[in-house]
Amino acid sequence: MTTMQSLLTIIAVILGTMTTRFLPFLIFPEGKTPPPYIIYLGTVLPYAVIGLLVVYCLKDAFNGGYFALPEIIAILFIVVIHKWKKNTLLSIGAGTILYMILVQTFFVC
């Protein structure tokens, strides 16, 4: 890419990101109640997105040589840490670290 194409790409990404971040605050100001379907989507979408990410992450795991053993160990570890500490960031971070240790030391292909 040329310098101008790179600059235009960066500007397009910035504008797209800023639009998705600021548009909801313009459409639904603080004193205005959002429509019921927006409240419903705000309730259901986080769980749907997490479910989608889990399915996407595990889609090829059962075809490997270890039959998803490191993934299952990491998921169980995440569940245990989350039930114990009730901290999403800690459980995801600790599970990611454990998974990386497992696949780089014990389950090397």
PDB file of N, CA and C in Angstrom:
ATOM      1  N   MET A   1       0.844  -1.183   0.000  1.00  0.00           N
ATOM      2  CA  MET A   1       0.000   0.000   0.000  1.00  0.00           C
ATOM      3  C   MET A   1       0.883   1.238   0.000  1.00  0.00           C
ATOM      4  N   THR A   2       0.377   2.225  -0.656  1.00  0.00           N
ATOM      5  CA  THR A   2       1.107   3.488  -0.649  1.00  0.00           C
ATOM      6  C   THR A   2       0.845   4.211   0.661  1.00  0.00           C
ATOM      7  N   THR A   3       1.577   5.275   0.874  1.00  0.00           N
ATOM      8  CA  THR A   3       1.396   6.061   2.096  1.00  0.00           C
ATOM      9  C   THR A   3      -0.006   6.657   2.161  1.00  0.00           C
ATOM     10  N   MET A   4      -0.507   7.128   1.030  1.00  0.00           N
ATOM     11  CA  MET A   4      -1.854   7.722   1.001  1.00  0.00           C
ATOM     12  C   MET A   4      -2.919   6.662   1.280  1.00  0.00           C
ATOM     13  N   GLN A   5      -2.773   5.465   0.730  1.00  0.00           N
ATOM     14  CA  GLN A   5      -3.730   4.395   0.996  1.00  0.00           C
ATOM     15  C   GLN A   5      -3.695   3.984   2.463  1.00  0.00           C
ATOM     16  N   SER A   6      -2.518   3.926   3.039  1.00  0.00           N
ATOM     17  CA  SER A   6      -2.397   3.592   4.463  1.00  0.00           C
ATOM     18  C   SER A   6      -3.062   4.660   5.319  1.00  0.00           C
ATOM     19  N   LEU A   7      -2.850   5.917   4.985  1.00  0.00           N
ATOM     20  CA  LEU A   7      -3.450   7.023   5.734  1.00  0.00           C
ATOM     21  C   LEU A   7      -4.968   6.995   5.621  1.00  0.00           C
ATOM     22  N   LEU A   8      -5.479   6.758   4.422  1.00  0.00           N
ATOM     23  CA  LEU A   8      -6.932   6.690   4.235  1.00  0.00           C
ATOM     24  C   LEU A   8      -7.537   5.489   4.973  1.00  0.00           C
ATOM     25  N   THR A   9      -6.817   4.379   4.995  1.00  0.00           N
ATOM     26  CA  THR A   9      -7.288   3.210   5.732  1.00  0.00           C
ATOM     27  C   THR A   9      -7.362   3.505   7.223  1.00  0.00           C
ATOM     28  N   ILE A  10      -6.338   4.136   7.760  1.00  0.00           N
ATOM     29  CA  ILE A  10      -6.324   4.489   9.182  1.00  0.00           C
ATOM     30  C   ILE A  10      -7.453   5.456   9.510  1.00  0.00           C
ATOM     31  N   ILE A  11      -7.675   6.449   8.655  1.00  0.00           N
ATOM     32  CA  ILE A  11      -8.761   7.416   8.882  1.00  0.00           C
ATOM     33  C   ILE A  11     -10.116   6.714   8.840  1.00  0.00           C
ATOM     34  N   ALA A  12     -10.315   5.794   7.891  1.00  0.00           N
ATOM     35  CA  ALA A  12     -11.584   5.060   7.798  1.00  0.00           C
ATOM     36  C   ALA A  12     -11.824   4.215   9.046  1.00  0.00           C
ATOM     37  N   VAL A  13     -10.774   3.575   9.549  1.00  0.00           N
ATOM     38  CA  VAL A  13     -10.912   2.758  10.756  1.00  0.00           C
ATOM     39  C   VAL A  13     -11.237   3.643  11.959  1.00  0.00           C
ATOM     40  N   ILE A  14     -10.574   4.780  12.065  1.00  0.00           N
ATOM     41  CA  ILE A  14     -10.846   5.711  13.166  1.00  0.00           C
ATOM     42  C   ILE A  14     -12.285   6.199  13.116  1.00  0.00           C
ATOM     43  N   LEU A  15     -12.752   6.606  11.942  1.00  0.00           N
ATOM     44  CA  LEU A  15     -14.126   7.102  11.815  1.00  0.00           C
ATOM     45  C   LEU A  15     -15.146   5.995  12.107  1.00  0.00           C
ATOM     46  N   GLY A  16     -14.890   4.797  11.628  1.00  0.00           N
ATOM     47  CA  GLY A  16     -15.802   3.689  11.911  1.00  0.00           C
ATOM     48  C   GLY A  16     -15.871   3.368  13.395  1.00  0.00           C
ATOM     49  N   THR A  17     -14.719   3.363  14.048  1.00  0.00           N
ATOM     50  CA  THR A  17     -14.682   3.085  15.487  1.00  0.00           C
ATOM     51  C   THR A  17     -15.373   4.185  16.277  1.00  0.00           C
ATOM     52  N   MET A  18     -15.080   5.425  15.954  1.00  0.00           N
ATOM     53  CA  MET A  18     -15.700   6.538  16.683  1.00  0.00           C
ATOM     54  C   MET A  18     -17.210   6.569  16.474  1.00  0.00           C
ATOM     55  N   THR A  19     -17.654   6.246  15.262  1.00  0.00           N
ATOM     56  CA  THR A  19     -19.095   6.225  14.988  1.00  0.00           C
ATOM     57  C   THR A  19     -19.794   5.170  15.835  1.00  0.00           C
ATOM     58  N   THR A  20     -19.222   3.963  15.899  1.00  0.00           N
ATOM     59  CA  THR A  20     -19.870   2.917  16.695  1.00  0.00           C
ATOM     60  C   THR A  20     -19.802   3.201  18.186  1.00  0.00           C
ATOM     61  N   ARG A  21     -18.839   3.976  18.629  1.00  0.00           N
ATOM     62  CA  ARG A  21     -18.733   4.298  20.057  1.00  0.00           C
ATOM     63  C   ARG A  21     -19.656   5.448  20.467  1.00  0.00           C
ATOM     64  N   PHE A  22     -19.778   6.469  19.620  1.00  0.00           N
ATOM     65  CA  PHE A  22     -20.502   7.681  20.015  1.00  0.00           C
ATOM     66  C   PHE A  22     -21.952   7.722  19.545  1.00  0.00           C
ATOM     67  N   LEU A  23     -22.300   6.994  18.489  1.00  0.00           N
ATOM     68  CA  LEU A  23     -23.655   7.039  17.953  1.00  0.00           C
ATOM     69  C   LEU A  23     -24.729   6.627  18.964  1.00  0.00           C
ATOM     70  N   PRO A  24     -24.525   5.577  19.757  1.00  0.00           N
ATOM     71  CA  PRO A  24     -25.559   5.229  20.742  1.00  0.00           C
ATOM     72  C   PRO A  24     -25.849   6.350  21.743  1.00  0.00           C
ATOM     73  N   PHE A  25     -24.833   7.130  22.102  1.00  0.00           N
ATOM     74  CA  PHE A  25     -25.050   8.236  23.041  1.00  0.00           C
ATOM     75  C   PHE A  25     -25.815   9.373  22.390  1.00  0.00           C
ATOM     76  N   LEU A  26     -25.704   9.518  21.084  1.00  0.00           N
ATOM     77  CA  LEU A  26     -26.470  10.543  20.374  1.00  0.00           C
ATOM     78  C   LEU A  26     -27.906  10.086  20.133  1.00  0.00           C
ATOM     79  N   ILE A  27     -28.098   8.821  19.825  1.00  0.00           N
ATOM     80  CA  ILE A  27     -29.444   8.307  19.564  1.00  0.00           C
ATOM     81  C   ILE A  27     -30.249   8.171  20.855  1.00  0.00           C
ATOM     82  N   PHE A  28     -29.588   7.711  21.924  1.00  0.00           N
ATOM     83  CA  PHE A  28     -30.263   7.504  23.205  1.00  0.00           C
ATOM     84  C   PHE A  28     -29.606   8.367  24.271  1.00  0.00           C
ATOM     85  N   PRO A  29     -29.980   9.649  24.367  1.00  0.00           N
ATOM     86  CA  PRO A  29     -29.381  10.503  25.398  1.00  0.00           C
ATOM     87  C   PRO A  29     -29.756  10.034  26.797  1.00  0.00           C
ATOM     88  N   GLU A  30     -29.088  10.599  27.795  1.00  0.00           N
ATOM     89  CA  GLU A  30     -29.210  10.106  29.170  1.00  0.00           C
ATOM     90  C   GLU A  30     -30.628  10.168  29.728  1.00  0.00           C
ATOM     91  N   GLY A  31     -31.385  11.179  29.441  1.00  0.00           N
ATOM     92  CA  GLY A  31     -32.723  11.303  30.002  1.00  0.00           C
ATOM     93  C   GLY A  31     -33.794  10.538  29.258  1.00  0.00           C
ATOM     94  N   LYS A  32     -33.472  10.031  28.067  1.00  0.00           N
ATOM     95  CA  LYS A  32     -34.449   9.358  27.224  1.00  0.00           C
ATOM     96  C   LYS A  32     -34.408   7.845  27.459  1.00  0.00           C
ATOM     97  N   THR A  33     -35.570   7.225  27.628  1.00  0.00           N
ATOM     98  CA  THR A  33     -35.649   5.777  27.825  1.00  0.00           C
ATOM     99  C   THR A  33     -35.569   5.082  26.474  1.00  0.00           C
ATOM    100  N   PRO A  34     -34.665   4.115  26.341  1.00  0.00           N
ATOM    101  CA  PRO A  34     -34.570   3.395  25.058  1.00  0.00           C
ATOM    102  C   PRO A  34     -35.772   2.492  24.831  1.00  0.00           C
ATOM    103  N   PRO A  35     -36.041   2.155  23.569  1.00  0.00           N
ATOM    104  CA  PRO A  35     -37.169   1.249  23.285  1.00  0.00           C
ATOM    105  C   PRO A  35     -36.961  -0.119  23.940  1.00  0.00           C
ATOM    106  N   PRO A  36     -38.043  -0.841  24.164  1.00  0.00           N
ATOM    107  CA  PRO A  36     -37.936  -2.146  24.843  1.00  0.00           C
ATOM    108  C   PRO A  36     -37.025  -3.143  24.125  1.00  0.00           C
ATOM    109  N   TYR A  37     -37.012  -3.135  22.777  1.00  0.00           N
ATOM    110  CA  TYR A  37     -36.168  -4.112  22.077  1.00  0.00           C
ATOM    111  C   TYR A  37     -34.690  -3.803  22.261  1.00  0.00           C
ATOM    112  N   ILE A  38     -34.331  -2.547  22.462  1.00  0.00           N
ATOM    113  CA  ILE A  38     -32.936  -2.185  22.729  1.00  0.00           C
ATOM    114  C   ILE A  38     -32.545  -2.670  24.128  1.00  0.00           C
ATOM    115  N   ILE A  39     -33.437  -2.524  25.086  1.00  0.00           N
ATOM    116  CA  ILE A  39     -33.175  -3.022  26.446  1.00  0.00           C
ATOM    117  C   ILE A  39     -33.038  -4.551  26.408  1.00  0.00           C
ATOM    118  N   TYR A  40     -33.902  -5.208  25.627  1.00  0.00           N
ATOM    119  CA  TYR A  40     -33.828  -6.668  25.490  1.00  0.00           C
ATOM    120  C   TYR A  40     -32.488  -7.079  24.879  1.00  0.00           C
ATOM    121  N   LEU A  41     -32.084  -6.403  23.803  1.00  0.00           N
ATOM    122  CA  LEU A  41     -30.808  -6.728  23.169  1.00  0.00           C
ATOM    123  C   LEU A  41     -29.635  -6.496  24.120  1.00  0.00           C
ATOM    124  N   GLY A  42     -29.712  -5.456  24.922  1.00  0.00           N
ATOM    125  CA  GLY A  42     -28.663  -5.196  25.896  1.00  0.00           C
ATOM    126  C   GLY A  42     -28.581  -6.275  26.964  1.00  0.00           C
ATOM    127  N   THR A  43     -29.685  -6.946  27.198  1.00  0.00           N
ATOM    128  CA  THR A  43     -29.709  -8.033  28.175  1.00  0.00           C
ATOM    129  C   THR A  43     -29.202  -9.346  27.587  1.00  0.00           C
ATOM    130  N   VAL A  44     -29.569  -9.630  26.344  1.00  0.00           N
ATOM    131  CA  VAL A  44     -29.290 -10.938  25.760  1.00  0.00           C
ATOM    132  C   VAL A  44     -27.978 -11.007  24.978  1.00  0.00           C
ATOM    133  N   LEU A  45     -27.582  -9.940  24.336  1.00  0.00           N
ATOM    134  CA  LEU A  45     -26.430  -9.996  23.445  1.00  0.00           C
ATOM    135  C   LEU A  45     -25.104 -10.345  24.115  1.00  0.00           C
ATOM    136  N   PRO A  46     -24.803  -9.867  25.325  1.00  0.00           N
ATOM    137  CA  PRO A  46     -23.524 -10.274  25.921  1.00  0.00           C
ATOM    138  C   PRO A  46     -23.379 -11.784  26.057  1.00  0.00           C
ATOM    139  N   TYR A  47     -24.431 -12.471  26.475  1.00  0.00           N
ATOM    140  CA  TYR A  47     -24.377 -13.925  26.602  1.00  0.00           C
ATOM    141  C   TYR A  47     -24.250 -14.591  25.233  1.00  0.00           C
ATOM    142  N   ALA A  48     -24.947 -14.050  24.240  1.00  0.00           N
ATOM    143  CA  ALA A  48     -24.873 -14.609  22.895  1.00  0.00           C
ATOM    144  C   ALA A  48     -23.474 -14.449  22.310  1.00  0.00           C
ATOM    145  N   VAL A  49     -22.858 -13.307  22.548  1.00  0.00           N
ATOM    146  CA  VAL A  49     -21.516 -13.067  22.027  1.00  0.00           C
ATOM    147  C   VAL A  49     -20.506 -13.997  22.687  1.00  0.00           C
ATOM    148  N   ILE A  50     -20.602 -14.183  23.995  1.00  0.00           N
ATOM    149  CA  ILE A  50     -19.689 -15.096  24.688  1.00  0.00           C
ATOM    150  C   ILE A  50     -19.885 -16.528  24.189  1.00  0.00           C
ATOM    151  N   GLY A  51     -21.134 -16.940  24.016  1.00  0.00           N
ATOM    152  CA  GLY A  51     -21.406 -18.269  23.473  1.00  0.00           C
ATOM    153  C   GLY A  51     -20.826 -18.439  22.076  1.00  0.00           C
ATOM    154  N   LEU A  52     -20.975 -17.418  21.251  1.00  0.00           N
ATOM    155  CA  LEU A  52     -20.421 -17.458  19.900  1.00  0.00           C
ATOM    156  C   LEU A  52     -18.906 -17.565  19.930  1.00  0.00           C
ATOM    157  N   LEU A  53     -18.260 -16.822  20.813  1.00  0.00           N
ATOM    158  CA  LEU A  53     -16.808 -16.886  20.923  1.00  0.00           C
ATOM    159  C   LEU A  53     -16.334 -18.261  21.397  1.00  0.00           C
ATOM    160  N   VAL A  54     -17.037 -18.856  22.337  1.00  0.00           N
ATOM    161  CA  VAL A  54     -16.657 -20.187  22.826  1.00  0.00           C
ATOM    162  C   VAL A  54     -16.792 -21.215  21.708  1.00  0.00           C
ATOM    163  N   VAL A  55     -17.898 -21.170  20.972  1.00  0.00           N
ATOM    164  CA  VAL A  55     -18.093 -22.117  19.870  1.00  0.00           C
ATOM    165  C   VAL A  55     -17.025 -21.901  18.803  1.00  0.00           C
ATOM    166  N   TYR A  56     -16.724 -20.654  18.477  1.00  0.00           N
ATOM    167  CA  TYR A  56     -15.712 -20.366  17.464  1.00  0.00           C
ATOM    168  C   TYR A  56     -14.336 -20.852  17.908  1.00  0.00           C
ATOM    169  N   CYS A  57     -14.019 -20.673  19.177  1.00  0.00           N
ATOM    170  CA  CYS A  57     -12.714 -21.109  19.674  1.00  0.00           C
ATOM    171  C   CYS A  57     -12.589 -22.629  19.705  1.00  0.00           C
ATOM    172  N   LEU A  58     -13.673 -23.328  19.881  1.00  0.00           N
ATOM    173  CA  LEU A  58     -13.627 -24.788  19.980  1.00  0.00           C
ATOM    174  C   LEU A  58     -13.951 -25.506  18.676  1.00  0.00           C
ATOM    175  N   LYS A  59     -14.198 -24.771  17.597  1.00  0.00           N
ATOM    176  CA  LYS A  59     -14.662 -25.400  16.363  1.00  0.00           C
ATOM    177  C   LYS A  59     -13.669 -26.403  15.789  1.00  0.00           C
ATOM    178  N   ASP A  60     -12.373 -26.161  15.910  1.00  0.00           N
ATOM    179  CA  ASP A  60     -11.378 -27.083  15.373  1.00  0.00           C
ATOM    180  C   ASP A  60     -10.652 -27.865  16.461  1.00  0.00           C
ATOM    181  N   ALA A  61     -11.020 -27.672  17.698  1.00  0.00           N
ATOM    182  CA  ALA A  61     -10.273 -28.268  18.804  1.00  0.00           C
ATOM    183  C   ALA A  61     -10.406 -29.788  18.849  1.00  0.00           C
ATOM    184  N   PHE A  62     -11.539 -30.324  18.459  1.00  0.00           N
ATOM    185  CA  PHE A  62     -11.760 -31.765  18.568  1.00  0.00           C
ATOM    186  C   PHE A  62     -11.156 -32.551  17.409  1.00  0.00           C
ATOM    187  N   ASN A  63     -10.590 -31.860  16.427  1.00  0.00           N
ATOM    188  CA  ASN A  63      -9.958 -32.531  15.298  1.00  0.00           C
ATOM    189  C   ASN A  63      -8.468 -32.756  15.528  1.00  0.00           C
ATOM    190  N   GLY A  64      -7.902 -32.144  16.555  1.00  0.00           N
ATOM    191  CA  GLY A  64      -6.472 -32.243  16.799  1.00  0.00           C
ATOM    192  C   GLY A  64      -6.071 -33.553  17.443  1.00  0.00           C
ATOM    193  N   GLY A  65      -4.785 -33.672  17.691  1.00  0.00           N
ATOM    194  CA  GLY A  65      -4.243 -34.898  18.252  1.00  0.00           C
ATOM    195  C   GLY A  65      -4.601 -35.122  19.711  1.00  0.00           C
ATOM    196  N   TYR A  66      -4.907 -34.064  20.426  1.00  0.00           N
ATOM    197  CA  TYR A  66      -5.191 -34.195  21.867  1.00  0.00           C
ATOM    198  C   TYR A  66      -6.686 -34.132  22.178  1.00  0.00           C
ATOM    199  N   PHE A  67      -7.521 -34.098  21.145  1.00  0.00           N
ATOM    200  CA  PHE A  67      -8.973 -34.105  21.289  1.00  0.00           C
ATOM    201  C   PHE A  67      -9.455 -33.054  22.286  1.00  0.00           C
ATOM    202  N   ALA A  68      -8.976 -31.840  22.145  1.00  0.00           N
ATOM    203  CA  ALA A  68      -9.413 -30.664  22.908  1.00  0.00           C
ATOM    204  C   ALA A  68      -9.094 -30.753  24.399  1.00  0.00           C
ATOM    205  N   LEU A  69      -8.152 -31.562  24.777  1.00  0.00           N
ATOM    206  CA  LEU A  69      -7.824 -31.697  26.199  1.00  0.00           C
ATOM    207  C   LEU A  69      -7.303 -30.386  26.807  1.00  0.00           C
ATOM    208  N   PRO A  70      -6.381 -29.652  26.161  1.00  0.00           N
ATOM    209  CA  PRO A  70      -5.953 -28.389  26.774  1.00  0.00           C
ATOM    210  C   PRO A  70      -7.080 -27.364  26.855  1.00  0.00           C
ATOM    211  N   GLU A  71      -7.960 -27.349  25.860  1.00  0.00           N
ATOM    212  CA  GLU A  71      -9.086 -26.416  25.877  1.00  0.00           C
ATOM    213  C   GLU A  71     -10.053 -26.749  27.013  1.00  0.00           C
ATOM    214  N   ILE A  72     -10.341 -28.027  27.188  1.00  0.00           N
ATOM    215  CA  ILE A  72     -11.265 -28.440  28.250  1.00  0.00           C
ATOM    216  C   ILE A  72     -10.675 -28.143  29.621  1.00  0.00           C
ATOM    217  N   ILE A  73      -9.381 -28.406  29.799  1.00  0.00           N
ATOM    218  CA  ILE A  73      -8.728 -28.091  31.080  1.00  0.00           C
ATOM    219  C   ILE A  73      -8.801 -26.594  31.359  1.00  0.00           C
ATOM    220  N   ALA A  74      -8.505 -25.767  30.338  1.00  0.00           N
ATOM    221  CA  ALA A  74      -8.538 -24.313  30.527  1.00  0.00           C
ATOM    222  C   ALA A  74      -9.951 -23.821  30.822  1.00  0.00           C
ATOM    223  N   ILE A  75     -10.956 -24.378  30.145  1.00  0.00           N
ATOM    224  CA  ILE A  75     -12.343 -23.960  30.392  1.00  0.00           C
ATOM    225  C   ILE A  75     -12.773 -24.332  31.806  1.00  0.00           C
ATOM    226  N   LEU A  76     -12.447 -25.531  32.247  1.00  0.00           N
ATOM    227  CA  LEU A  76     -12.785 -25.928  33.620  1.00  0.00           C
ATOM    228  C   LEU A  76     -12.074 -25.041  34.639  1.00  0.00           C
ATOM    229  N   PHE A  77     -10.820 -24.698  34.348  1.00  0.00           N
ATOM    230  CA  PHE A  77     -10.069 -23.801  35.231  1.00  0.00           C
ATOM    231  C   PHE A  77     -10.733 -22.426  35.302  1.00  0.00           C
ATOM    232  N   ILE A  78     -11.192 -21.914  34.151  1.00  0.00           N
ATOM    233  CA  ILE A  78     -11.874 -20.616  34.116  1.00  0.00           C
ATOM    234  C   ILE A  78     -13.148 -20.667  34.948  1.00  0.00           C
ATOM    235  N   VAL A  79     -13.915 -21.738  34.814  1.00  0.00           N
ATOM    236  CA  VAL A  79     -15.159 -21.857  35.578  1.00  0.00           C
ATOM    237  C   VAL A  79     -14.868 -21.899  37.073  1.00  0.00           C
ATOM    238  N   VAL A  80     -13.860 -22.674  37.493  1.00  0.00           N
ATOM    239  CA  VAL A  80     -13.530 -22.782  38.915  1.00  0.00           C
ATOM    240  C   VAL A  80     -13.054 -21.434  39.466  1.00  0.00           C
ATOM    241  N   ILE A  81     -12.161 -20.773  38.735  1.00  0.00           N
ATOM    242  CA  ILE A  81     -11.664 -19.473  39.200  1.00  0.00           C
ATOM    243  C   ILE A  81     -12.799 -18.453  39.273  1.00  0.00           C
ATOM    244  N   HIS A  82     -13.693 -18.485  38.279  1.00  0.00           N
ATOM    245  CA  HIS A  82     -14.786 -17.508  38.290  1.00  0.00           C
ATOM    246  C   HIS A  82     -15.773 -17.772  39.430  1.00  0.00           C
ATOM    247  N   LYS A  83     -16.059 -19.033  39.694  1.00  0.00           N
ATOM    248  CA  LYS A  83     -16.961 -19.354  40.820  1.00  0.00           C
ATOM    249  C   LYS A  83     -16.321 -18.983  42.156  1.00  0.00           C
ATOM    250  N   TRP A  84     -15.006 -19.105  42.237  1.00  0.00           N
ATOM    251  CA  TRP A  84     -14.285 -18.828  43.479  1.00  0.00           C
ATOM    252  C   TRP A  84     -14.124 -17.333  43.705  1.00  0.00           C
ATOM    253  N   LYS A  85     -13.634 -16.597  42.712  1.00  0.00           N
ATOM    254  CA  LYS A  85     -13.302 -15.180  42.896  1.00  0.00           C
ATOM    255  C   LYS A  85     -14.366 -14.215  42.379  1.00  0.00           C
ATOM    256  N   LYS A  86     -15.263 -14.667  41.517  1.00  0.00           N
ATOM    257  CA  LYS A  86     -16.310 -13.816  40.930  1.00  0.00           C
ATOM    258  C   LYS A  86     -15.715 -12.598  40.204  1.00  0.00           C
ATOM    259  N   ASN A  87     -14.594 -12.830  39.518  1.00  0.00           N
ATOM    260  CA  ASN A  87     -13.917 -11.765  38.796  1.00  0.00           C
ATOM    261  C   ASN A  87     -13.682 -12.230  37.359  1.00  0.00           C
ATOM    262  N   THR A  88     -14.417 -11.645  36.433  1.00  0.00           N
ATOM    263  CA  THR A  88     -14.356 -12.074  35.043  1.00  0.00           C
ATOM    264  C   THR A  88     -12.973 -11.868  34.448  1.00  0.00           C
ATOM    265  N   LEU A  89     -12.397 -10.708  34.667  1.00  0.00           N
ATOM    266  CA  LEU A  89     -11.083 -10.414  34.099  1.00  0.00           C
ATOM    267  C   LEU A  89     -10.021 -11.378  34.624  1.00  0.00           C
ATOM    268  N   LEU A  90     -10.048 -11.653  35.917  1.00  0.00           N
ATOM    269  CA  LEU A  90      -9.095 -12.589  36.504  1.00  0.00           C
ATOM    270  C   LEU A  90      -9.278 -13.998  35.935  1.00  0.00           C
ATOM    271  N   SER A  91     -10.520 -14.457  35.840  1.00  0.00           N
ATOM    272  CA  SER A  91     -10.745 -15.821  35.363  1.00  0.00           C
ATOM    273  C   SER A  91     -10.347 -15.977  33.900  1.00  0.00           C
ATOM    274  N   ILE A  92     -10.665 -15.016  33.053  1.00  0.00           N
ATOM    275  CA  ILE A  92     -10.280 -15.106  31.643  1.00  0.00           C
ATOM    276  C   ILE A  92      -8.773 -14.992  31.495  1.00  0.00           C
ATOM    277  N   GLY A  93      -8.157 -14.074  32.214  1.00  0.00           N
ATOM    278  CA  GLY A  93      -6.704 -13.919  32.140  1.00  0.00           C
ATOM    279  C   GLY A  93      -5.975 -15.159  32.631  1.00  0.00           C
ATOM    280  N   ALA A  94      -6.398 -15.697  33.761  1.00  0.00           N
ATOM    281  CA  ALA A  94      -5.752 -16.893  34.308  1.00  0.00           C
ATOM    282  C   ALA A  94      -5.969 -18.100  33.392  1.00  0.00           C
ATOM    283  N   GLY A  95      -7.164 -18.229  32.830  1.00  0.00           N
ATOM    284  CA  GLY A  95      -7.430 -19.317  31.900  1.00  0.00           C
ATOM    285  C   GLY A  95      -6.603 -19.217  30.636  1.00  0.00           C
ATOM    286  N   THR A  96      -6.420 -18.003  30.139  1.00  0.00           N
ATOM    287  CA  THR A  96      -5.584 -17.805  28.951  1.00  0.00           C
ATOM    288  C   THR A  96      -4.137 -18.168  29.243  1.00  0.00           C
ATOM    289  N   ILE A  97      -3.637 -17.746  30.394  1.00  0.00           N
ATOM    290  CA  ILE A  97      -2.257 -18.071  30.773  1.00  0.00           C
ATOM    291  C   ILE A  97      -2.093 -19.590  30.914  1.00  0.00           C
ATOM    292  N   LEU A  98      -3.036 -20.243  31.593  1.00  0.00           N
ATOM    293  CA  LEU A  98      -2.956 -21.696  31.744  1.00  0.00           C
ATOM    294  C   LEU A  98      -2.993 -22.390  30.384  1.00  0.00           C
ATOM    295  N   TYR A  99      -3.885 -21.955  29.508  1.00  0.00           N
ATOM    296  CA  TYR A  99      -3.989 -22.562  28.181  1.00  0.00           C
ATOM    297  C   TYR A  99      -2.683 -22.416  27.406  1.00  0.00           C
ATOM    298  N   MET A 100      -2.080 -21.231  27.455  1.00  0.00           N
ATOM    299  CA  MET A 100      -0.826 -21.016  26.730  1.00  0.00           C
ATOM    300  C   MET A 100       0.294 -21.886  27.309  1.00  0.00           C
ATOM    301  N   ILE A 101       0.326 -22.027  28.616  1.00  0.00           N
ATOM    302  CA  ILE A 101       1.329 -22.911  29.237  1.00  0.00           C
ATOM    303  C   ILE A 101       1.099 -24.364  28.803  1.00  0.00           C
ATOM    304  N   LEU A 102      -0.159 -24.789  28.788  1.00  0.00           N
ATOM    305  CA  LEU A 102      -0.470 -26.165  28.398  1.00  0.00           C
ATOM    306  C   LEU A 102      -0.061 -26.459  26.956  1.00  0.00           C
ATOM    307  N   VAL A 103      -0.412 -25.571  26.027  1.00  0.00           N
ATOM    308  CA  VAL A 103      -0.135 -25.873  24.616  1.00  0.00           C
ATOM    309  C   VAL A 103       1.328 -25.660  24.254  1.00  0.00           C
ATOM    310  N   GLN A 104       2.068 -24.923  25.066  1.00  0.00           N
ATOM    311  CA  GLN A 104       3.477 -24.687  24.739  1.00  0.00           C
ATOM    312  C   GLN A 104       4.425 -25.603  25.487  1.00  0.00           C
ATOM    313  N   THR A 105       3.930 -26.290  26.518  1.00  0.00           N
ATOM    314  CA  THR A 105       4.817 -27.184  27.257  1.00  0.00           C
ATOM    315  C   THR A 105       4.353 -28.632  27.271  1.00  0.00           C
ATOM    316  N   PHE A 106       3.102 -28.877  27.602  1.00  0.00           N
ATOM    317  CA  PHE A 106       2.612 -30.245  27.772  1.00  0.00           C
ATOM    318  C   PHE A 106       1.968 -30.830  26.527  1.00  0.00           C
ATOM    319  N   PHE A 107       1.296 -30.027  25.724  1.00  0.00           N
ATOM    320  CA  PHE A 107       0.578 -30.519  24.544  1.00  0.00           C
ATOM    321  C   PHE A 107       1.195 -29.966  23.273  1.00  0.00           C
ATOM    322  N   VAL A 108       2.489 -30.120  23.119  1.00  0.00           N
ATOM    323  CA  VAL A 108       3.192 -29.608  21.942  1.00  0.00           C
ATOM    324  C   VAL A 108       2.927 -30.547  20.768  1.00  0.00           C
ATOM    325  N   CYS A 109       2.507 -29.988  19.648  1.00  0.00           N
ATOM    326  CA  CYS A 109       2.212 -30.818  18.457  1.00  0.00           C
ATOM    327  C   CYS A 109       3.467 -31.116  17.676  1.00  0.00           C
TER     328      CYS A 109
END
